[in-house]
């Protein structure tokens, strides 16, 4: 499926699980461009914030039914991507946070937004918002949730504009980085 962006020269394409593996290097390259502060940072790599970790993360998530990858192209060049999948509240929030989110977010269709990245020259042009909208269209959730580093000001700003609110602090491992768990009631955002 192809979705036009607000920019006339940007097209967003949606890929299903069987089409993701051939796109791994493309999305890893976009991720690396969007996160230069993490790429050559051994501390970030030790926390699982690296291109190899992204490869492992995406490959591991392919088991989830309904996974969708969206890629923004400008003049045929990939400039942004996002991916998500429908998931259970227990899986996404974990035992420490599941009881802290609204009951509806635990019982209605939930989308776990795993990554959203746009190359720096293309940021602040509506591409991230359009990638997000394409995922919502592909997955049709009632709720969406994601993890964002508190230090990621551009990402935090985008997620706030999209209507996400803080739901709690989250860490996938005891020694891992602390993320902000953000939550969006999709019905309220329409």
N, C-alpha and C. Protein backbone atom coordinates (compact mmCIF):
# COMPACT_ATOMS: atom_id res chain seq x y z
N UNK A 1 0.85 -1.17 0.00
CA UNK A 1 0.00 0.00 0.00
C UNK A 1 0.89 1.23 0.00
N UNK A 2 0.50 2.24 -0.72
CA UNK A 2 1.24 3.50 -0.78
C UNK A 2 0.36 4.62 -0.28
N UNK A 3 0.89 5.44 0.63
CA UNK A 3 0.17 6.57 1.21
C UNK A 3 0.93 7.84 0.88
N UNK A 4 0.29 8.83 0.26
CA UNK A 4 1.02 10.07 0.01
C UNK A 4 1.23 10.85 1.29
N UNK A 5 2.34 11.53 1.40
CA UNK A 5 2.67 12.37 2.54
C UNK A 5 2.13 13.77 2.27
N UNK A 6 2.22 14.65 3.28
CA UNK A 6 1.82 16.04 3.06
C UNK A 6 2.79 16.71 2.10
N UNK A 7 4.04 16.26 2.06
CA UNK A 7 4.99 16.74 1.06
C UNK A 7 4.67 16.03 -0.24
N UNK A 8 4.66 16.74 -1.32
CA UNK A 8 4.28 16.13 -2.60
C UNK A 8 5.34 15.15 -3.11
N UNK A 9 6.58 15.28 -2.64
CA UNK A 9 7.63 14.39 -3.13
C UNK A 9 7.92 13.22 -2.19
N UNK A 10 7.10 13.01 -1.16
CA UNK A 10 7.31 11.91 -0.22
C UNK A 10 6.15 10.93 -0.32
N UNK A 11 6.51 9.66 -0.44
CA UNK A 11 5.52 8.58 -0.50
C UNK A 11 5.83 7.62 0.63
N UNK A 12 4.80 7.12 1.29
CA UNK A 12 4.98 6.15 2.38
C UNK A 12 4.43 4.81 1.90
N UNK A 13 5.28 3.79 2.02
CA UNK A 13 4.90 2.43 1.64
C UNK A 13 4.82 1.57 2.89
N UNK A 14 3.83 0.69 2.91
CA UNK A 14 3.61 -0.22 4.04
C UNK A 14 4.04 -1.62 3.64
N UNK A 15 4.80 -2.26 4.53
CA UNK A 15 5.30 -3.61 4.30
C UNK A 15 4.82 -4.54 5.40
N UNK A 16 4.44 -5.76 5.05
CA UNK A 16 4.04 -6.76 6.02
C UNK A 16 5.24 -7.57 6.49
N UNK A 17 5.03 -8.48 7.44
CA UNK A 17 6.13 -9.23 8.04
C UNK A 17 7.03 -9.94 7.02
N UNK A 18 6.47 -10.52 5.99
CA UNK A 18 7.26 -11.24 5.00
C UNK A 18 8.13 -10.34 4.14
N UNK A 19 7.92 -9.04 4.21
CA UNK A 19 8.68 -8.09 3.40
C UNK A 19 9.72 -7.30 4.21
N UNK A 20 9.83 -7.61 5.49
CA UNK A 20 10.68 -6.81 6.38
C UNK A 20 12.16 -7.16 6.27
N UNK A 21 12.51 -8.44 6.25
CA UNK A 21 13.93 -8.83 6.25
C UNK A 21 14.73 -8.17 5.13
N UNK A 22 14.22 -8.11 3.90
CA UNK A 22 15.01 -7.43 2.86
C UNK A 22 15.20 -5.93 3.11
N UNK A 23 14.42 -5.37 4.02
CA UNK A 23 14.49 -3.94 4.32
C UNK A 23 15.37 -3.63 5.54
N UNK A 24 15.90 -4.66 6.20
CA UNK A 24 16.65 -4.45 7.45
C UNK A 24 17.80 -3.46 7.31
N UNK A 25 18.62 -3.62 6.30
CA UNK A 25 19.76 -2.71 6.15
C UNK A 25 19.31 -1.29 5.84
N UNK A 26 18.23 -1.15 5.09
CA UNK A 26 17.70 0.18 4.76
C UNK A 26 17.24 0.90 6.03
N UNK A 27 16.44 0.21 6.86
CA UNK A 27 15.93 0.86 8.07
C UNK A 27 17.04 1.08 9.09
N UNK A 28 18.02 0.17 9.13
CA UNK A 28 19.16 0.36 10.05
C UNK A 28 19.97 1.59 9.65
N UNK A 29 20.10 1.83 8.35
CA UNK A 29 20.82 3.01 7.88
C UNK A 29 20.07 4.29 8.26
N UNK A 30 18.75 4.27 8.13
CA UNK A 30 17.94 5.43 8.54
C UNK A 30 18.09 5.65 10.04
N UNK A 31 17.99 4.57 10.81
CA UNK A 31 18.10 4.66 12.27
C UNK A 31 19.44 5.27 12.67
N UNK A 32 20.53 4.79 12.03
CA UNK A 32 21.87 5.30 12.35
C UNK A 32 21.97 6.78 12.01
N UNK A 33 21.41 7.21 10.88
CA UNK A 33 21.43 8.64 10.54
C UNK A 33 20.65 9.48 11.54
N UNK A 34 19.54 8.93 12.02
CA UNK A 34 18.68 9.67 12.94
C UNK A 34 19.23 9.69 14.36
N UNK A 35 20.15 8.78 14.68
CA UNK A 35 20.70 8.68 16.05
C UNK A 35 22.22 8.70 16.03
N UNK A 36 22.84 9.73 15.47
CA UNK A 36 24.31 9.75 15.40
C UNK A 36 24.98 9.69 16.78
N UNK A 37 24.30 10.19 17.80
CA UNK A 37 24.86 10.19 19.15
C UNK A 37 24.99 8.78 19.72
N UNK A 38 24.29 7.81 19.13
CA UNK A 38 24.32 6.44 19.63
C UNK A 38 25.23 5.53 18.81
N UNK A 39 25.47 5.87 17.55
CA UNK A 39 26.14 4.97 16.63
C UNK A 39 27.54 4.57 17.08
N UNK A 40 28.39 5.51 17.42
CA UNK A 40 29.76 5.20 17.82
C UNK A 40 29.97 5.32 19.32
N UNK A 41 28.91 5.17 20.06
CA UNK A 41 28.96 5.32 21.51
C UNK A 41 28.97 3.93 22.15
N UNK A 42 30.13 3.47 22.67
CA UNK A 42 30.17 2.14 23.27
C UNK A 42 29.20 1.99 24.44
N UNK A 43 28.96 3.06 25.16
CA UNK A 43 27.99 3.00 26.27
C UNK A 43 26.59 2.72 25.76
N UNK A 44 26.21 3.34 24.66
CA UNK A 44 24.89 3.10 24.08
C UNK A 44 24.79 1.67 23.57
N UNK A 45 25.85 1.20 22.91
CA UNK A 45 25.84 -0.17 22.39
C UNK A 45 25.69 -1.18 23.52
N UNK A 46 26.35 -0.92 24.65
CA UNK A 46 26.25 -1.85 25.78
C UNK A 46 24.85 -1.86 26.37
N UNK A 47 24.08 -0.81 26.10
CA UNK A 47 22.69 -0.74 26.59
C UNK A 47 21.69 -1.25 25.55
N UNK A 48 22.18 -1.75 24.43
CA UNK A 48 21.29 -2.27 23.40
C UNK A 48 20.79 -1.22 22.45
N UNK A 49 21.45 -0.07 22.37
CA UNK A 49 21.04 1.00 21.47
C UNK A 49 22.08 1.10 20.35
N UNK A 50 21.98 0.17 19.40
CA UNK A 50 22.96 0.09 18.32
C UNK A 50 22.31 -0.52 17.08
N UNK A 51 23.00 -0.43 15.96
CA UNK A 51 22.48 -1.03 14.72
C UNK A 51 22.35 -2.55 14.87
N UNK A 52 23.36 -3.27 15.40
CA UNK A 52 23.16 -4.71 15.59
C UNK A 52 21.98 -5.04 16.52
N UNK A 53 21.80 -4.23 17.56
CA UNK A 53 20.66 -4.45 18.46
C UNK A 53 19.34 -4.21 17.73
N UNK A 54 19.30 -3.21 16.85
CA UNK A 54 18.09 -2.95 16.06
C UNK A 54 17.79 -4.15 15.16
N UNK A 55 18.82 -4.70 14.52
CA UNK A 55 18.63 -5.90 13.69
C UNK A 55 18.02 -7.03 14.51
N UNK A 56 18.59 -7.28 15.70
CA UNK A 56 18.07 -8.35 16.56
C UNK A 56 16.64 -8.06 17.00
N UNK A 57 16.37 -6.81 17.35
CA UNK A 57 15.03 -6.42 17.80
C UNK A 57 14.00 -6.67 16.71
N UNK A 58 14.26 -6.17 15.52
CA UNK A 58 13.29 -6.33 14.43
C UNK A 58 13.11 -7.80 14.08
N UNK A 59 14.21 -8.54 13.96
CA UNK A 59 14.13 -9.96 13.64
C UNK A 59 13.32 -10.71 14.70
N UNK A 60 13.53 -10.38 15.96
CA UNK A 60 12.77 -11.01 17.04
C UNK A 60 11.29 -10.66 17.01
N UNK A 61 10.96 -9.45 16.56
CA UNK A 61 9.56 -9.03 16.52
C UNK A 61 8.80 -9.60 15.32
N UNK A 62 9.49 -10.19 14.37
CA UNK A 62 8.81 -10.75 13.19
C UNK A 62 7.83 -11.85 13.56
N UNK A 63 7.97 -12.44 14.73
CA UNK A 63 7.06 -13.50 15.17
C UNK A 63 5.67 -12.97 15.50
N UNK A 64 5.55 -11.65 15.66
CA UNK A 64 4.27 -11.07 16.06
C UNK A 64 3.35 -10.92 14.84
N UNK A 65 2.20 -11.52 14.92
CA UNK A 65 1.21 -11.41 13.85
C UNK A 65 0.78 -9.97 13.70
N UNK A 66 0.68 -9.51 12.48
CA UNK A 66 0.19 -8.16 12.22
C UNK A 66 1.26 -7.09 12.21
N UNK A 67 2.54 -7.46 12.34
CA UNK A 67 3.61 -6.47 12.31
C UNK A 67 3.54 -5.69 11.00
N UNK A 68 3.73 -4.38 11.10
CA UNK A 68 3.75 -3.52 9.91
C UNK A 68 4.97 -2.62 9.97
N UNK A 69 5.63 -2.48 8.82
CA UNK A 69 6.76 -1.58 8.65
C UNK A 69 6.33 -0.55 7.62
N UNK A 70 6.54 0.72 7.92
CA UNK A 70 6.25 1.79 6.97
C UNK A 70 7.53 2.55 6.69
N UNK A 71 7.76 2.84 5.41
CA UNK A 71 8.98 3.53 5.00
C UNK A 71 8.58 4.73 4.15
N UNK A 72 9.17 5.88 4.47
CA UNK A 72 8.94 7.11 3.70
C UNK A 72 10.05 7.23 2.66
N UNK A 73 9.65 7.51 1.42
CA UNK A 73 10.59 7.69 0.32
C UNK A 73 10.44 9.09 -0.25
N UNK A 74 11.57 9.75 -0.48
CA UNK A 74 11.58 11.05 -1.16
C UNK A 74 12.40 10.87 -2.43
N UNK A 75 11.75 11.02 -3.57
CA UNK A 75 12.45 10.81 -4.83
C UNK A 75 13.03 9.42 -4.94
N UNK A 76 12.39 8.44 -4.34
CA UNK A 76 12.85 7.06 -4.38
C UNK A 76 13.86 6.70 -3.32
N UNK A 77 14.33 7.67 -2.53
CA UNK A 77 15.31 7.43 -1.47
C UNK A 77 14.60 7.29 -0.13
N UNK A 78 14.90 6.21 0.63
CA UNK A 78 14.28 6.05 1.94
C UNK A 78 14.78 7.12 2.92
N UNK A 79 13.84 7.86 3.52
CA UNK A 79 14.20 8.95 4.43
C UNK A 79 13.65 8.77 5.84
N UNK A 80 12.78 7.80 6.06
CA UNK A 80 12.22 7.57 7.38
C UNK A 80 11.54 6.22 7.44
N UNK A 81 11.37 5.71 8.64
CA UNK A 81 10.65 4.44 8.81
C UNK A 81 10.05 4.38 10.21
N UNK A 82 9.11 3.49 10.35
CA UNK A 82 8.54 3.16 11.65
C UNK A 82 8.02 1.74 11.56
N UNK A 83 7.96 1.06 12.70
CA UNK A 83 7.31 -0.25 12.70
C UNK A 83 6.65 -0.49 14.04
N UNK A 84 5.62 -1.32 13.97
CA UNK A 84 4.82 -1.62 15.16
C UNK A 84 4.10 -2.94 14.94
N UNK A 85 3.48 -3.41 16.00
CA UNK A 85 2.67 -4.63 15.90
C UNK A 85 1.60 -4.62 16.98
N UNK A 86 0.49 -5.32 16.74
CA UNK A 86 -0.52 -5.46 17.79
C UNK A 86 0.06 -6.38 18.87
N UNK A 87 -0.19 -6.05 20.13
CA UNK A 87 0.36 -6.86 21.21
C UNK A 87 -0.58 -6.84 22.42
N UNK A 88 -0.29 -7.73 23.34
CA UNK A 88 -1.07 -7.75 24.58
C UNK A 88 -0.49 -6.74 25.57
N UNK A 89 -1.32 -6.29 26.47
CA UNK A 89 -0.87 -5.34 27.50
C UNK A 89 0.18 -5.99 28.40
N UNK A 90 0.00 -7.28 28.74
CA UNK A 90 0.97 -7.96 29.59
C UNK A 90 2.34 -7.99 28.92
N UNK A 91 2.36 -8.28 27.62
CA UNK A 91 3.63 -8.31 26.89
C UNK A 91 4.26 -6.92 26.85
N UNK A 92 3.47 -5.92 26.48
CA UNK A 92 4.04 -4.59 26.23
C UNK A 92 4.43 -3.85 27.51
N UNK A 93 3.55 -3.83 28.49
CA UNK A 93 3.80 -3.03 29.68
C UNK A 93 4.61 -3.77 30.74
N UNK A 94 4.54 -5.08 30.74
CA UNK A 94 5.26 -5.86 31.74
C UNK A 94 4.56 -5.82 33.08
N UNK A 95 4.96 -6.71 33.98
CA UNK A 95 4.25 -6.84 35.26
C UNK A 95 4.33 -5.60 36.15
N UNK A 96 5.38 -4.79 35.99
CA UNK A 96 5.52 -3.63 36.88
C UNK A 96 4.62 -2.46 36.48
N UNK A 97 4.22 -2.39 35.22
CA UNK A 97 3.44 -1.24 34.76
C UNK A 97 2.03 -1.58 34.31
N UNK A 98 1.74 -2.84 34.07
CA UNK A 98 0.44 -3.17 33.47
C UNK A 98 -0.73 -2.65 34.30
N UNK A 99 -0.60 -2.66 35.61
CA UNK A 99 -1.70 -2.18 36.46
C UNK A 99 -1.77 -0.66 36.56
N UNK A 100 -0.75 0.03 36.04
CA UNK A 100 -0.72 1.50 36.12
C UNK A 100 -1.33 2.17 34.89
N UNK A 101 -1.63 1.41 33.86
CA UNK A 101 -2.22 2.00 32.65
C UNK A 101 -3.73 1.86 32.74
N UNK A 102 -4.47 2.70 32.03
CA UNK A 102 -5.93 2.61 32.07
C UNK A 102 -6.42 1.22 31.68
N UNK A 103 -7.51 0.80 32.31
CA UNK A 103 -8.04 -0.54 32.04
C UNK A 103 -8.29 -0.75 30.55
N UNK A 104 -8.81 0.25 29.86
CA UNK A 104 -9.09 0.09 28.43
C UNK A 104 -7.81 -0.20 27.64
N UNK A 105 -6.68 0.37 28.06
CA UNK A 105 -5.42 0.11 27.37
C UNK A 105 -4.96 -1.33 27.59
N UNK A 106 -5.51 -1.97 28.62
CA UNK A 106 -5.18 -3.37 28.88
C UNK A 106 -6.11 -4.33 28.17
N UNK A 107 -7.30 -3.84 27.79
CA UNK A 107 -8.31 -4.76 27.25
C UNK A 107 -8.66 -4.50 25.79
N UNK A 108 -8.40 -3.31 25.29
CA UNK A 108 -8.72 -3.00 23.90
C UNK A 108 -7.48 -3.20 23.03
N UNK A 109 -7.66 -3.19 21.72
CA UNK A 109 -6.56 -3.45 20.78
C UNK A 109 -5.42 -2.45 20.99
N UNK A 110 -4.22 -2.98 21.27
CA UNK A 110 -3.04 -2.19 21.61
C UNK A 110 -1.97 -2.36 20.53
N UNK A 111 -1.39 -1.25 20.12
CA UNK A 111 -0.27 -1.27 19.18
C UNK A 111 0.99 -0.91 19.94
N UNK A 112 2.02 -1.74 19.80
CA UNK A 112 3.33 -1.42 20.35
C UNK A 112 4.17 -0.78 19.24
N UNK A 113 4.43 0.50 19.36
CA UNK A 113 5.25 1.22 18.38
C UNK A 113 6.70 1.04 18.80
N UNK A 114 7.46 0.33 17.98
CA UNK A 114 8.82 -0.06 18.36
C UNK A 114 9.88 0.95 17.95
N UNK A 115 9.77 1.49 16.77
CA UNK A 115 10.76 2.45 16.27
C UNK A 115 10.07 3.43 15.34
N UNK A 116 10.56 4.66 15.36
CA UNK A 116 10.16 5.69 14.41
C UNK A 116 11.38 6.58 14.25
N UNK A 117 11.92 6.66 13.03
CA UNK A 117 13.13 7.44 12.80
C UNK A 117 13.05 8.11 11.44
N UNK A 118 13.52 9.35 11.40
CA UNK A 118 13.56 10.13 10.16
C UNK A 118 14.96 10.73 10.05
N UNK A 119 15.54 10.65 8.86
CA UNK A 119 16.88 11.22 8.65
C UNK A 119 16.83 12.72 8.97
N UNK A 120 17.87 13.27 9.62
CA UNK A 120 17.86 14.68 10.04
C UNK A 120 17.46 15.70 8.97
N UNK A 121 17.92 15.60 7.72
CA UNK A 121 17.50 16.64 6.76
C UNK A 121 15.98 16.63 6.48
N UNK A 122 15.33 15.53 6.86
CA UNK A 122 13.90 15.39 6.57
C UNK A 122 13.03 15.55 7.81
N UNK A 123 13.65 15.80 8.96
CA UNK A 123 12.87 15.97 10.18
C UNK A 123 12.13 17.31 10.16
N UNK A 124 11.09 17.40 10.96
CA UNK A 124 10.26 18.62 11.10
C UNK A 124 9.56 18.99 9.80
N UNK A 125 9.23 17.98 8.99
CA UNK A 125 8.51 18.22 7.73
C UNK A 125 7.24 17.37 7.64
N UNK A 126 6.79 16.81 8.78
CA UNK A 126 5.56 16.03 8.80
C UNK A 126 5.73 14.56 8.48
N UNK A 127 6.95 14.13 8.19
CA UNK A 127 7.16 12.74 7.80
C UNK A 127 6.91 11.79 8.98
N UNK A 128 7.43 12.13 10.17
CA UNK A 128 7.20 11.29 11.34
C UNK A 128 5.71 11.14 11.65
N UNK A 129 4.97 12.24 11.55
CA UNK A 129 3.52 12.18 11.78
C UNK A 129 2.83 11.30 10.75
N UNK A 130 3.29 11.39 9.50
CA UNK A 130 2.69 10.57 8.45
C UNK A 130 3.05 9.10 8.58
N UNK A 131 4.26 8.81 9.03
CA UNK A 131 4.62 7.41 9.29
C UNK A 131 3.74 6.85 10.40
N UNK A 132 3.54 7.64 11.45
CA UNK A 132 2.69 7.23 12.57
C UNK A 132 1.26 6.97 12.08
N UNK A 133 0.73 7.89 11.28
CA UNK A 133 -0.64 7.72 10.75
C UNK A 133 -0.75 6.47 9.89
N UNK A 134 0.28 6.16 9.12
CA UNK A 134 0.26 4.96 8.28
C UNK A 134 0.23 3.69 9.13
N UNK A 135 0.96 3.70 10.25
CA UNK A 135 0.92 2.55 11.15
C UNK A 135 -0.46 2.40 11.79
N UNK A 136 -1.04 3.52 12.21
CA UNK A 136 -2.39 3.45 12.80
C UNK A 136 -3.38 2.89 11.78
N UNK A 137 -3.22 3.27 10.53
CA UNK A 137 -4.11 2.77 9.48
C UNK A 137 -3.89 1.27 9.27
N UNK A 138 -2.64 0.84 9.27
CA UNK A 138 -2.32 -0.56 9.01
C UNK A 138 -2.73 -1.48 10.15
N UNK A 139 -2.63 -1.01 11.39
CA UNK A 139 -2.86 -1.87 12.55
C UNK A 139 -4.23 -1.64 13.19
N UNK A 140 -4.79 -0.47 13.03
CA UNK A 140 -6.12 -0.12 13.56
C UNK A 140 -6.27 -0.38 15.06
N UNK A 141 -5.37 0.18 15.87
CA UNK A 141 -5.49 -0.02 17.32
C UNK A 141 -6.46 0.99 17.96
N UNK A 142 -6.86 0.68 19.16
CA UNK A 142 -7.59 1.64 20.00
C UNK A 142 -6.59 2.42 20.86
N UNK A 143 -5.45 1.80 21.14
CA UNK A 143 -4.39 2.39 21.96
C UNK A 143 -3.06 2.15 21.27
N UNK A 144 -2.13 3.06 21.49
CA UNK A 144 -0.76 2.89 21.02
C UNK A 144 0.17 3.26 22.16
N UNK A 145 1.28 2.54 22.24
CA UNK A 145 2.25 2.81 23.28
C UNK A 145 3.65 2.68 22.71
N UNK A 146 4.57 3.43 23.29
CA UNK A 146 5.96 3.38 22.84
C UNK A 146 6.88 3.74 23.99
N UNK A 147 8.15 3.48 23.78
CA UNK A 147 9.18 3.84 24.74
C UNK A 147 10.05 4.91 24.11
N UNK A 148 10.35 5.95 24.87
CA UNK A 148 11.20 7.03 24.37
C UNK A 148 12.22 7.39 25.44
N UNK A 149 13.45 7.59 25.01
CA UNK A 149 14.45 8.07 25.96
C UNK A 149 14.06 9.48 26.41
N UNK A 150 14.11 9.76 27.69
CA UNK A 150 13.78 11.10 28.17
C UNK A 150 14.64 12.18 27.52
N UNK A 151 15.86 11.83 27.12
CA UNK A 151 16.78 12.80 26.51
C UNK A 151 16.48 13.05 25.03
N UNK A 152 15.60 12.27 24.43
CA UNK A 152 15.28 12.42 23.00
C UNK A 152 14.24 13.54 22.84
N UNK A 153 14.70 14.77 22.85
CA UNK A 153 13.78 15.92 22.82
C UNK A 153 12.95 15.99 21.54
N UNK A 154 13.56 15.72 20.39
CA UNK A 154 12.81 15.78 19.13
C UNK A 154 11.71 14.72 19.13
N UNK A 155 12.07 13.51 19.55
CA UNK A 155 11.08 12.44 19.61
C UNK A 155 9.99 12.74 20.61
N UNK A 156 10.38 13.20 21.78
CA UNK A 156 9.40 13.54 22.81
C UNK A 156 8.44 14.62 22.31
N UNK A 157 8.97 15.61 21.59
CA UNK A 157 8.12 16.67 21.04
C UNK A 157 7.13 16.13 20.02
N UNK A 158 7.60 15.26 19.14
CA UNK A 158 6.71 14.65 18.15
C UNK A 158 5.61 13.85 18.84
N UNK A 159 6.00 13.02 19.80
CA UNK A 159 5.00 12.17 20.46
C UNK A 159 3.98 13.01 21.23
N UNK A 160 4.41 14.10 21.83
CA UNK A 160 3.47 15.00 22.51
C UNK A 160 2.49 15.60 21.50
N UNK A 161 3.00 16.04 20.33
CA UNK A 161 2.11 16.60 19.30
C UNK A 161 1.12 15.56 18.78
N UNK A 162 1.53 14.30 18.78
CA UNK A 162 0.64 13.23 18.33
C UNK A 162 -0.40 12.85 19.40
N UNK A 163 -0.21 13.34 20.63
CA UNK A 163 -1.18 13.09 21.69
C UNK A 163 -0.76 12.06 22.72
N UNK A 164 0.47 11.57 22.67
CA UNK A 164 0.94 10.61 23.66
C UNK A 164 1.14 11.30 25.00
N UNK A 165 0.87 10.57 26.07
CA UNK A 165 1.09 11.07 27.42
C UNK A 165 1.96 10.07 28.20
N UNK A 166 2.63 10.59 29.20
CA UNK A 166 3.52 9.79 30.04
C UNK A 166 2.70 8.80 30.85
N UNK A 167 3.13 7.52 30.84
CA UNK A 167 2.43 6.49 31.60
C UNK A 167 3.31 5.87 32.68
N UNK A 168 4.62 6.17 32.66
CA UNK A 168 5.50 5.63 33.68
C UNK A 168 6.91 5.43 33.16
N UNK A 169 7.80 5.13 34.09
CA UNK A 169 9.19 4.83 33.73
C UNK A 169 9.30 3.35 33.42
N UNK A 170 10.12 3.01 32.42
CA UNK A 170 10.23 1.62 31.99
C UNK A 170 11.69 1.29 31.68
N UNK A 171 12.12 0.12 32.10
CA UNK A 171 13.44 -0.39 31.75
C UNK A 171 13.28 -1.86 31.41
N UNK A 172 13.84 -2.30 30.27
CA UNK A 172 13.67 -3.70 29.88
C UNK A 172 14.57 -4.64 30.68
N UNK A 173 15.62 -4.13 31.24
CA UNK A 173 16.51 -4.94 32.07
C UNK A 173 16.90 -4.13 33.30
N UNK A 174 17.30 -4.80 34.38
CA UNK A 174 17.65 -4.06 35.59
C UNK A 174 18.78 -3.04 35.39
N UNK A 175 19.72 -3.34 34.50
CA UNK A 175 20.83 -2.41 34.27
C UNK A 175 20.67 -1.62 32.98
N UNK A 176 19.51 -1.75 32.32
CA UNK A 176 19.26 -1.06 31.06
C UNK A 176 18.86 0.39 31.26
N UNK A 177 18.78 1.13 30.16
CA UNK A 177 18.39 2.53 30.27
C UNK A 177 16.93 2.67 30.70
N UNK A 178 16.63 3.79 31.33
CA UNK A 178 15.24 4.06 31.70
C UNK A 178 14.58 4.86 30.58
N UNK A 179 13.45 4.36 30.14
CA UNK A 179 12.67 5.00 29.09
C UNK A 179 11.41 5.61 29.70
N UNK A 180 10.83 6.56 28.98
CA UNK A 180 9.48 7.02 29.29
C UNK A 180 8.51 6.13 28.52
N UNK A 181 7.59 5.51 29.22
CA UNK A 181 6.53 4.75 28.57
C UNK A 181 5.43 5.76 28.24
N UNK A 182 5.11 5.89 26.96
CA UNK A 182 4.11 6.86 26.51
C UNK A 182 2.91 6.11 25.96
N UNK A 183 1.73 6.68 26.13
CA UNK A 183 0.48 6.01 25.78
C UNK A 183 -0.45 6.98 25.05
N UNK A 184 -1.10 6.47 24.03
CA UNK A 184 -2.05 7.26 23.24
C UNK A 184 -3.36 6.51 23.12
N UNK A 185 -4.46 7.16 23.47
CA UNK A 185 -5.78 6.62 23.19
C UNK A 185 -6.14 7.10 21.79
N UNK A 186 -6.11 6.19 20.83
CA UNK A 186 -6.25 6.55 19.43
C UNK A 186 -7.58 7.22 19.15
N UNK A 187 -8.65 6.78 19.77
CA UNK A 187 -9.97 7.39 19.57
C UNK A 187 -9.94 8.87 19.92
N UNK A 188 -9.24 9.21 21.01
CA UNK A 188 -9.19 10.59 21.48
C UNK A 188 -8.36 11.47 20.55
N UNK A 189 -7.45 10.86 19.80
CA UNK A 189 -6.56 11.63 18.93
C UNK A 189 -7.20 11.96 17.60
N UNK A 190 -8.31 11.33 17.27
CA UNK A 190 -8.93 11.56 15.97
C UNK A 190 -9.66 12.88 15.90
